[in-house]
C-alpha atoms as a PDB file:
ATOM      1  CA  MET A   1     -10.382  -9.580   6.581  1.00  0.00           C
ATOM      2  CA  ILE A   2      -9.967  -6.031   5.326  1.00  0.00           C
ATOM      3  CA  ARG A   3     -11.946  -5.366   2.151  1.00  0.00           C
ATOM      4  CA  ASP A   4     -10.891  -1.770   1.540  1.00  0.00           C
ATOM      5  CA  LEU A   5      -7.576  -0.356   2.700  1.00  0.00           C
ATOM      6  CA  ASN A   6      -8.834   3.223   2.268  1.00  0.00           C
ATOM      7  CA  GLN A   7     -10.780   2.956   5.529  1.00  0.00           C
ATOM      8  CA  ASN A   8      -7.617   2.105   7.500  1.00  0.00           C
ATOM      9  CA  LEU A   9      -4.921   4.106   5.720  1.00  0.00           C
ATOM     10  CA  LYS A  10      -5.033   7.575   7.253  1.00  0.00           C
ATOM     11  CA  ILE A  11      -3.368  10.405   5.357  1.00  0.00           C
ATOM     12  CA  VAL A  12      -1.585  13.091   7.373  1.00  0.00           C
ATOM     13  CA  ARG A  13      -0.878  16.411   5.710  1.00  0.00           C
ATOM     14  CA  TRP A  14       1.715  18.939   6.759  1.00  0.00           C
ATOM     15  CA  ASP A  15       1.076  22.539   5.836  1.00  0.00           C
ATOM     16  CA  GLU A  16       1.046  25.947   7.467  1.00  0.00           C
ATOM     17  CA  SER A  17      -2.375  25.360   9.079  1.00  0.00           C
ATOM     18  CA  ASN A  18      -1.561  21.849  10.353  1.00  0.00           C
ATOM     19  CA  GLN A  19       1.983  21.734  11.621  1.00  0.00           C
ATOM     20  CA  ASN A  20       1.989  18.135  12.770  1.00  0.00           C
ATOM     21  CA  THR A  21       5.605  17.665  13.821  1.00  0.00           C
ATOM     22  CA  GLU A  22       5.462  13.931  13.091  1.00  0.00           C
ATOM     23  CA  ALA A  23       4.418  14.411   9.458  1.00  0.00           C
ATOM     24  CA  LEU A  24       6.738  14.852   6.529  1.00  0.00           C
ATOM     25  CA  LYS A  25       6.214  17.956   4.500  1.00  0.00           C
ATOM     26  CA  GLY A  26       3.580  16.837   2.008  1.00  0.00           C
ATOM     27  CA  GLN A  27       1.655  13.756   3.042  1.00  0.00           C
ATOM     28  CA  TRP A  28       2.265  10.322   4.470  1.00  0.00           C
ATOM     29  CA  ALA A  29       0.332   7.354   5.823  1.00  0.00           C
ATOM     30  CA  GLN A  30       1.094   3.906   7.162  1.00  0.00           C
ATOM     31  CA  TYR A  31      -0.972   0.829   7.978  1.00  0.00           C
ATOM     32  CA  SER A  32      -0.146  -2.788   8.811  1.00  0.00           C
ATOM     33  CA  ASP A  33      -2.461  -5.699   9.512  1.00  0.00           C
ATOM     34  CA  GLY A  34       0.253  -8.283  10.250  1.00  0.00           C
ATOM     35  CA  LYS A  35       0.169  -9.621   6.680  1.00  0.00           C
ATOM     36  CA  GLY A  36       1.056  -6.502   4.725  1.00  0.00           C
ATOM     37  CA  ILE A  37       2.649  -3.122   5.328  1.00  0.00           C
ATOM     38  CA  PHE A  38       1.226  -0.208   3.342  1.00  0.00           C
ATOM     39  CA  SER A  39       2.879   3.220   3.366  1.00  0.00           C
ATOM     40  CA  ILE A  40       2.267   6.404   1.398  1.00  0.00           C
ATOM     41  CA  ILE A  41       4.927   9.063   1.075  1.00  0.00           C
ATOM     42  CA  LYS A  42       3.793  12.033  -1.022  1.00  0.00           C
ATOM     43  CA  ASN A  43       2.233  10.315  -4.070  1.00  0.00           C
ATOM     44  CA  VAL A  44       3.872   6.854  -3.878  1.00  0.00           C
ATOM     45  CA  LEU A  45       2.224   3.799  -2.291  1.00  0.00           C
ATOM     46  CA  PHE A  46       4.801   1.316  -0.922  1.00  0.00           C
ATOM     47  CA  ILE A  47       3.578  -2.256  -0.336  1.00  0.00           C
ATOM     48  CA  THR A  48       5.409  -5.069   1.470  1.00  0.00           C
ATOM     49  CA  LEU A  49       3.666  -8.439   1.811  1.00  0.00           C
ATOM     50  CA  LEU A  50       4.785 -11.003   4.385  1.00  0.00           C
ATOM     51  CA  PRO A  51       4.711 -14.835   4.124  1.00  0.00           C
ATOM     52  CA  ASN A  52       1.316 -16.585   4.321  1.00  0.00           C
ATOM     53  CA  THR A  53      -0.508 -13.491   3.075  1.00  0.00           C
ATOM     54  CA  GLU A  54      -3.778 -13.747   1.212  1.00  0.00           C
ATOM     55  CA  TYR A  55      -5.912 -10.876  -0.076  1.00  0.00           C
ATOM     56  CA  LYS A  56      -8.891 -11.038  -2.400  1.00  0.00           C
ATOM     57  CA  ASP A  57      -9.767  -7.774  -4.158  1.00  0.00           C
ATOM     58  CA  LEU A  58      -8.296  -5.574  -1.425  1.00  0.00           C
ATOM     59  CA  GLY A  59      -9.190  -1.973  -2.298  1.00  0.00           C
ATOM     60  CA  LEU A  60      -6.109   0.239  -2.492  1.00  0.00           C
ATOM     61  CA  PRO A  61      -6.010   4.035  -2.749  1.00  0.00           C
ATOM     62  CA  GLN A  62      -6.595   5.091  -6.371  1.00  0.00           C
ATOM     63  CA  CYS A  63      -3.304   4.199  -8.058  1.00  0.00           C
ATOM     64  CA  HIS A  64      -2.031   3.448 -11.533  1.00  0.00           C
ATOM     65  CA  ASP A  65      -1.843  -0.214 -12.560  1.00  0.00           C
ATOM     66  CA  GLY A  66       1.442  -1.893 -11.684  1.00  0.00           C
ATOM     67  CA  PHE A  67       2.902  -4.956 -10.049  1.00  0.00           C
ATOM     68  CA  LEU A  68       4.661  -6.320  -6.973  1.00  0.00           C
ATOM     69  CA  ILE A  69       7.766  -8.476  -7.285  1.00  0.00           C
ATOM     70  CA  CYS A  70       7.761 -11.709  -5.266  1.00  0.00           C
ATOM     71  CA  SER A  71      10.841 -13.208  -3.638  1.00  0.00           C
ATOM     72  CA  ASP A  72      10.669 -16.187  -6.029  1.00  0.00           C
ATOM     73  CA  GLY A  73      10.793 -13.878  -9.075  1.00  0.00           C
ATOM     74  CA  SER A  74       7.103 -14.022  -9.937  1.00  0.00           C
ATOM     75  CA  ILE A  75       4.887 -10.943 -10.060  1.00  0.00           C
ATOM     76  CA  ILE A  76       1.514  -9.898  -8.639  1.00  0.00           C
ATOM     77  CA  GLN A  77      -0.422  -7.574 -10.930  1.00  0.00           C
ATOM     78  CA  ILE A  78      -2.337  -4.629  -9.507  1.00  0.00           C
ATOM     79  CA  LYS A  79      -5.262  -3.550 -11.725  1.00  0.00           C
ATOM     80  CA  ASP A  80      -8.030  -1.057 -11.000  1.00  0.00           C
ATOM     81  CA  SER A  81      -6.530  -0.366  -7.537  1.00  0.00           C
ATOM     82  CA  LYS A  82      -7.289  -3.932  -6.346  1.00  0.00           C
ATOM     83  CA  LEU A  83      -4.811  -6.362  -4.785  1.00  0.00           C
ATOM     84  CA  THR A  84      -5.389 -10.112  -5.056  1.00  0.00           C
ATOM     85  CA  CYS A  85      -2.664 -12.516  -3.946  1.00  0.00           C
ATOM     86  CA  SER A  86      -1.900 -15.733  -2.102  1.00  0.00           C
ATOM     87  CA  LEU A  87       1.656 -16.150  -0.800  1.00  0.00           C
ATOM     88  CA  ASP A  88       2.981 -19.351   0.752  1.00  0.00           C
ATOM     89  CA  ASN A  89       5.096 -19.506   3.919  1.00  0.00           C
ATOM     90  CA  THR A  90       8.387 -18.852   2.078  1.00  0.00           C
ATOM     91  CA  MET A  91       7.358 -15.955  -0.173  1.00  0.00           C
ATOM     92  CA  THR A  92       7.328 -12.208   0.324  1.00  0.00           C
ATOM     93  CA  ALA A  93       6.492  -9.447  -2.149  1.00  0.00           C
ATOM     94  CA  GLN A  94       7.105  -5.743  -2.467  1.00  0.00           C
ATOM     95  CA  GLY A  95       6.600  -2.876  -4.856  1.00  0.00           C
ATOM     96  CA  GLN A  96       5.697   0.770  -5.347  1.00  0.00           C
ATOM     97  CA  LEU A  97       2.687   2.249  -7.095  1.00  0.00           C
ATOM     98  CA  ILE A  98       2.039   5.865  -8.098  1.00  0.00           C
ATOM     99  CA  LEU A  99      -1.218   7.379  -6.819  1.00  0.00           C
ATOM    100  CA  LYS A 100      -3.551   8.750  -9.498  1.00  0.00           C
ATOM    101  CA  LYS A 101      -4.095  11.896  -7.463  1.00  0.00           C
ATOM    102  CA  TRP A 102      -2.669  13.417  -4.340  1.00  0.00           C
ATOM    103  CA  ASN A 103      -5.051  13.075  -1.414  1.00  0.00           C
END
């Protein structure tokens, strides 16, 4: 199980010295482990969690506290850039968090 997403979420920057044609102007990143999809566009972290997902203190990039909304109407709180959740086989969750600093 992944303990810290920062090791897997690779940031790509587009600027005059690195003209990566696949990158958006600014920065972006994407990672999926089959249970969750994590994307960064500029300074926003987008999270989508699939059914049967369980994370315990998954380290996220440094972001402000927030929450994910579950398909049943409940919420998952994100505090101190850590994600802890346990979704059953009928639930999904999604949300957006603002990064504390641009990478």
